[in-house]
């Protein structure tokens, strides 16, 4: 795992290899996994190995989040001010 300003990188993994427990290990807090909450997350752009996502109705500010599969790493980008020591709440 590496960190840059607006980026969090999960190294030595790919999207097909990700599990719920692996995501929790990289997350700050638990998150709402209800069907309704997950359905509110919408893709803005979907391409091979990348996507940009947003959430229409959210109680927290939900900036656009980019997810990119690059070789054997998953890169996430967002514009929030949270330190990128873990995945952001959104």
N, C-alpha and C. Protein backbone atom coordinates (compact mmCIF):
# COMPACT_ATOMS: atom_id res chain seq x y z
N UNK A 1 0.84 -1.17 0.00
CA UNK A 1 0.00 0.00 0.00
C UNK A 1 0.88 1.23 0.00
N UNK A 2 0.60 2.15 -0.93
CA UNK A 2 1.29 3.45 -1.00
C UNK A 2 0.25 4.55 -0.91
N UNK A 3 0.69 5.73 -0.49
CA UNK A 3 -0.23 6.86 -0.38
C UNK A 3 0.35 8.07 -1.09
N UNK A 4 -0.47 8.77 -1.80
CA UNK A 4 -0.14 10.07 -2.37
C UNK A 4 -1.27 11.01 -1.98
N UNK A 5 -1.17 12.28 -2.34
CA UNK A 5 -2.15 13.28 -1.88
C UNK A 5 -3.60 12.85 -1.96
N UNK A 6 -4.12 12.62 -3.12
CA UNK A 6 -5.53 12.27 -3.30
C UNK A 6 -5.69 10.83 -3.75
N UNK A 7 -4.74 9.99 -3.40
CA UNK A 7 -4.71 8.64 -3.94
C UNK A 7 -4.39 7.62 -2.85
N UNK A 8 -5.08 6.50 -2.91
CA UNK A 8 -4.77 5.37 -2.05
C UNK A 8 -4.57 4.18 -2.97
N UNK A 9 -3.50 3.43 -2.77
CA UNK A 9 -3.17 2.32 -3.66
C UNK A 9 -3.15 1.02 -2.87
N UNK A 10 -3.88 0.05 -3.36
CA UNK A 10 -3.83 -1.30 -2.81
C UNK A 10 -2.90 -2.09 -3.72
N UNK A 11 -1.73 -2.45 -3.20
CA UNK A 11 -0.75 -3.13 -4.02
C UNK A 11 -0.91 -4.64 -3.92
N UNK A 12 -0.41 -5.33 -4.92
CA UNK A 12 -0.41 -6.79 -4.97
C UNK A 12 -1.81 -7.38 -4.90
N UNK A 13 -2.74 -6.74 -5.58
CA UNK A 13 -4.10 -7.27 -5.66
C UNK A 13 -4.76 -6.76 -6.95
N UNK A 14 -5.80 -7.45 -7.34
CA UNK A 14 -6.59 -7.02 -8.49
C UNK A 14 -8.05 -6.99 -8.07
N UNK A 15 -8.89 -6.37 -8.86
CA UNK A 15 -10.31 -6.27 -8.52
C UNK A 15 -10.94 -7.65 -8.36
N UNK A 16 -10.67 -8.62 -9.25
CA UNK A 16 -11.26 -9.95 -9.03
C UNK A 16 -10.79 -10.62 -7.74
N UNK A 17 -9.61 -10.26 -7.24
CA UNK A 17 -9.09 -10.85 -6.02
C UNK A 17 -9.63 -10.19 -4.75
N UNK A 18 -10.25 -9.02 -4.88
CA UNK A 18 -10.73 -8.31 -3.70
C UNK A 18 -11.86 -9.07 -3.02
N UNK A 19 -11.81 -9.09 -1.71
CA UNK A 19 -12.89 -9.68 -0.93
C UNK A 19 -13.42 -8.61 0.01
N UNK A 20 -14.57 -8.87 0.59
CA UNK A 20 -15.15 -7.94 1.55
C UNK A 20 -14.20 -7.72 2.72
N UNK A 21 -13.59 -8.78 3.21
CA UNK A 21 -12.67 -8.64 4.36
C UNK A 21 -11.43 -7.84 3.98
N UNK A 22 -10.95 -7.99 2.75
CA UNK A 22 -9.80 -7.21 2.30
C UNK A 22 -10.15 -5.72 2.23
N UNK A 23 -11.33 -5.41 1.75
CA UNK A 23 -11.76 -4.01 1.71
C UNK A 23 -11.88 -3.45 3.12
N UNK A 24 -12.42 -4.23 4.04
CA UNK A 24 -12.53 -3.76 5.44
C UNK A 24 -11.17 -3.48 6.05
N UNK A 25 -10.16 -4.29 5.73
CA UNK A 25 -8.82 -4.07 6.27
C UNK A 25 -8.25 -2.71 5.84
N UNK A 26 -8.67 -2.23 4.68
CA UNK A 26 -8.15 -0.97 4.15
C UNK A 26 -9.10 0.21 4.42
N UNK A 27 -10.18 -0.02 5.13
CA UNK A 27 -11.18 1.03 5.36
C UNK A 27 -11.01 1.66 6.73
N UNK A 28 -11.34 2.93 6.84
CA UNK A 28 -11.30 3.66 8.12
C UNK A 28 -12.34 3.12 9.08
N UNK A 29 -13.57 3.03 8.61
CA UNK A 29 -14.71 2.65 9.43
C UNK A 29 -15.51 1.59 8.69
N UNK A 30 -16.47 1.04 9.40
CA UNK A 30 -17.41 0.16 8.70
C UNK A 30 -18.26 1.04 7.80
N UNK A 31 -18.93 0.44 6.87
CA UNK A 31 -19.74 1.21 5.94
C UNK A 31 -21.04 0.50 5.67
N UNK A 32 -21.99 1.26 5.16
CA UNK A 32 -23.34 0.75 4.91
C UNK A 32 -23.31 -0.15 3.68
N UNK A 33 -23.60 -1.41 3.88
CA UNK A 33 -23.62 -2.36 2.76
C UNK A 33 -25.04 -2.78 2.39
N UNK A 34 -26.01 -2.00 2.85
CA UNK A 34 -27.39 -2.33 2.50
C UNK A 34 -27.59 -2.21 0.99
N UNK A 35 -28.51 -2.99 0.49
CA UNK A 35 -28.79 -2.98 -0.95
C UNK A 35 -29.13 -1.59 -1.44
N UNK A 36 -29.97 -0.87 -0.69
CA UNK A 36 -30.37 0.48 -1.10
C UNK A 36 -29.16 1.40 -1.19
N UNK A 37 -28.29 1.36 -0.20
CA UNK A 37 -27.10 2.22 -0.18
C UNK A 37 -26.18 1.90 -1.36
N UNK A 38 -25.97 0.63 -1.62
CA UNK A 38 -25.08 0.25 -2.73
C UNK A 38 -25.68 0.61 -4.08
N UNK A 39 -27.00 0.55 -4.20
CA UNK A 39 -27.65 0.91 -5.47
C UNK A 39 -27.58 2.40 -5.75
N UNK A 40 -27.35 3.22 -4.71
CA UNK A 40 -27.25 4.66 -4.90
C UNK A 40 -25.92 5.06 -5.53
N UNK A 41 -24.93 4.19 -5.49
CA UNK A 41 -23.64 4.47 -6.12
C UNK A 41 -23.79 4.21 -7.61
N UNK A 42 -23.49 5.23 -8.39
CA UNK A 42 -23.69 5.15 -9.84
C UNK A 42 -22.37 5.38 -10.57
N UNK A 43 -22.15 4.65 -11.66
CA UNK A 43 -20.96 4.92 -12.48
C UNK A 43 -21.18 6.16 -13.33
N UNK A 44 -20.18 6.98 -13.42
CA UNK A 44 -20.22 8.12 -14.33
C UNK A 44 -19.49 7.76 -15.62
N UNK A 45 -18.39 7.04 -15.46
CA UNK A 45 -17.60 6.56 -16.59
C UNK A 45 -17.16 5.14 -16.26
N UNK A 46 -17.34 4.23 -17.21
CA UNK A 46 -16.87 2.85 -17.06
C UNK A 46 -16.05 2.51 -18.30
N UNK A 47 -14.84 2.07 -18.07
CA UNK A 47 -13.96 1.63 -19.15
C UNK A 47 -13.27 0.35 -18.69
N UNK A 48 -12.54 -0.28 -19.57
CA UNK A 48 -11.79 -1.47 -19.17
C UNK A 48 -10.75 -1.04 -18.14
N UNK A 49 -10.77 -1.68 -16.99
CA UNK A 49 -9.82 -1.45 -15.89
C UNK A 49 -9.95 -0.09 -15.21
N UNK A 50 -11.06 0.64 -15.41
CA UNK A 50 -11.21 1.91 -14.69
C UNK A 50 -12.67 2.34 -14.66
N UNK A 51 -12.98 3.18 -13.68
CA UNK A 51 -14.32 3.74 -13.57
C UNK A 51 -14.31 4.95 -12.65
N UNK A 52 -15.31 5.81 -12.84
CA UNK A 52 -15.52 6.96 -11.96
C UNK A 52 -16.94 6.81 -11.41
N UNK A 53 -17.10 6.97 -10.09
CA UNK A 53 -18.36 6.70 -9.42
C UNK A 53 -18.79 7.89 -8.57
N UNK A 54 -20.11 8.05 -8.40
CA UNK A 54 -20.66 9.08 -7.54
C UNK A 54 -21.90 8.52 -6.87
N UNK A 55 -22.40 9.22 -5.88
CA UNK A 55 -23.59 8.77 -5.16
C UNK A 55 -24.60 9.90 -5.17
N UNK A 56 -25.79 9.62 -5.70
CA UNK A 56 -26.83 10.65 -5.83
C UNK A 56 -27.32 11.17 -4.48
N UNK A 57 -27.79 10.29 -3.65
CA UNK A 57 -28.38 10.70 -2.37
C UNK A 57 -27.49 10.21 -1.26
N UNK A 58 -26.85 11.13 -0.60
CA UNK A 58 -25.91 10.74 0.43
C UNK A 58 -25.96 11.73 1.58
N UNK A 59 -25.90 11.20 2.81
CA UNK A 59 -25.86 12.06 3.97
C UNK A 59 -24.47 12.66 4.18
N UNK A 60 -23.46 11.98 3.65
CA UNK A 60 -22.12 12.54 3.71
C UNK A 60 -21.76 13.07 2.32
N UNK A 61 -20.82 13.99 2.28
CA UNK A 61 -20.37 14.48 0.98
C UNK A 61 -19.69 13.34 0.26
N UNK A 62 -20.09 13.08 -0.94
CA UNK A 62 -19.55 11.96 -1.71
C UNK A 62 -18.94 12.51 -2.99
N UNK A 63 -17.64 12.81 -2.97
CA UNK A 63 -17.00 13.29 -4.20
C UNK A 63 -16.89 12.15 -5.21
N UNK A 64 -16.65 12.50 -6.43
CA UNK A 64 -16.43 11.47 -7.43
C UNK A 64 -15.18 10.67 -7.05
N UNK A 65 -15.28 9.37 -7.21
CA UNK A 65 -14.19 8.47 -6.85
C UNK A 65 -13.77 7.71 -8.11
N UNK A 66 -12.49 7.74 -8.40
CA UNK A 66 -11.95 7.00 -9.54
C UNK A 66 -11.28 5.74 -9.02
N UNK A 67 -11.50 4.64 -9.74
CA UNK A 67 -10.89 3.35 -9.39
C UNK A 67 -10.22 2.84 -10.66
N UNK A 68 -8.93 2.52 -10.54
CA UNK A 68 -8.17 2.07 -11.72
C UNK A 68 -7.42 0.79 -11.36
N UNK A 69 -7.54 -0.21 -12.21
CA UNK A 69 -6.74 -1.44 -12.08
C UNK A 69 -5.51 -1.24 -12.94
N UNK A 70 -4.33 -1.26 -12.34
CA UNK A 70 -3.09 -1.06 -13.07
C UNK A 70 -2.12 -2.18 -12.68
N UNK A 71 -1.82 -3.04 -13.62
CA UNK A 71 -0.97 -4.20 -13.36
C UNK A 71 -1.49 -4.97 -12.15
N UNK A 72 -0.75 -5.00 -11.06
CA UNK A 72 -1.15 -5.77 -9.90
C UNK A 72 -1.51 -4.84 -8.73
N UNK A 73 -2.10 -3.68 -9.04
CA UNK A 73 -2.50 -2.71 -8.02
C UNK A 73 -3.85 -2.11 -8.37
N UNK A 74 -4.55 -1.67 -7.33
CA UNK A 74 -5.80 -0.94 -7.50
C UNK A 74 -5.56 0.46 -6.97
N UNK A 75 -5.76 1.46 -7.82
CA UNK A 75 -5.56 2.85 -7.45
C UNK A 75 -6.91 3.51 -7.26
N UNK A 76 -7.09 4.22 -6.16
CA UNK A 76 -8.32 4.97 -5.93
C UNK A 76 -7.96 6.44 -5.77
N UNK A 77 -8.77 7.31 -6.33
CA UNK A 77 -8.55 8.75 -6.27
C UNK A 77 -9.85 9.44 -5.85
N UNK A 78 -9.74 10.44 -4.99
CA UNK A 78 -10.87 11.31 -4.69
C UNK A 78 -10.34 12.67 -4.26
N UNK A 79 -11.21 13.65 -4.23
CA UNK A 79 -10.78 15.02 -3.93
C UNK A 79 -11.07 15.44 -2.50
N UNK A 80 -11.50 14.52 -1.64
CA UNK A 80 -11.80 14.91 -0.27
C UNK A 80 -10.52 15.22 0.50
N UNK A 81 -10.66 15.85 1.65
CA UNK A 81 -9.51 16.27 2.45
C UNK A 81 -9.01 15.19 3.41
N UNK A 82 -9.66 14.06 3.47
CA UNK A 82 -9.24 13.01 4.40
C UNK A 82 -7.85 12.51 4.04
N UNK A 83 -7.00 12.30 5.04
CA UNK A 83 -5.67 11.73 4.74
C UNK A 83 -5.84 10.35 4.13
N UNK A 84 -5.03 10.04 3.17
CA UNK A 84 -5.18 8.78 2.44
C UNK A 84 -4.35 7.66 3.08
N UNK A 85 -4.53 7.50 4.39
CA UNK A 85 -3.87 6.39 5.08
C UNK A 85 -4.71 5.12 5.01
N UNK A 86 -5.96 5.25 4.68
CA UNK A 86 -6.91 4.15 4.46
C UNK A 86 -7.88 4.61 3.38
N UNK A 87 -8.73 3.70 2.94
CA UNK A 87 -9.80 4.10 2.02
C UNK A 87 -10.74 5.07 2.72
N UNK A 88 -11.20 6.05 2.00
CA UNK A 88 -12.12 7.05 2.56
C UNK A 88 -13.48 6.42 2.86
N UNK A 89 -14.23 7.09 3.68
CA UNK A 89 -15.57 6.61 4.08
C UNK A 89 -16.48 6.42 2.87
N UNK A 90 -16.33 7.28 1.88
CA UNK A 90 -17.18 7.18 0.70
C UNK A 90 -16.60 6.18 -0.26
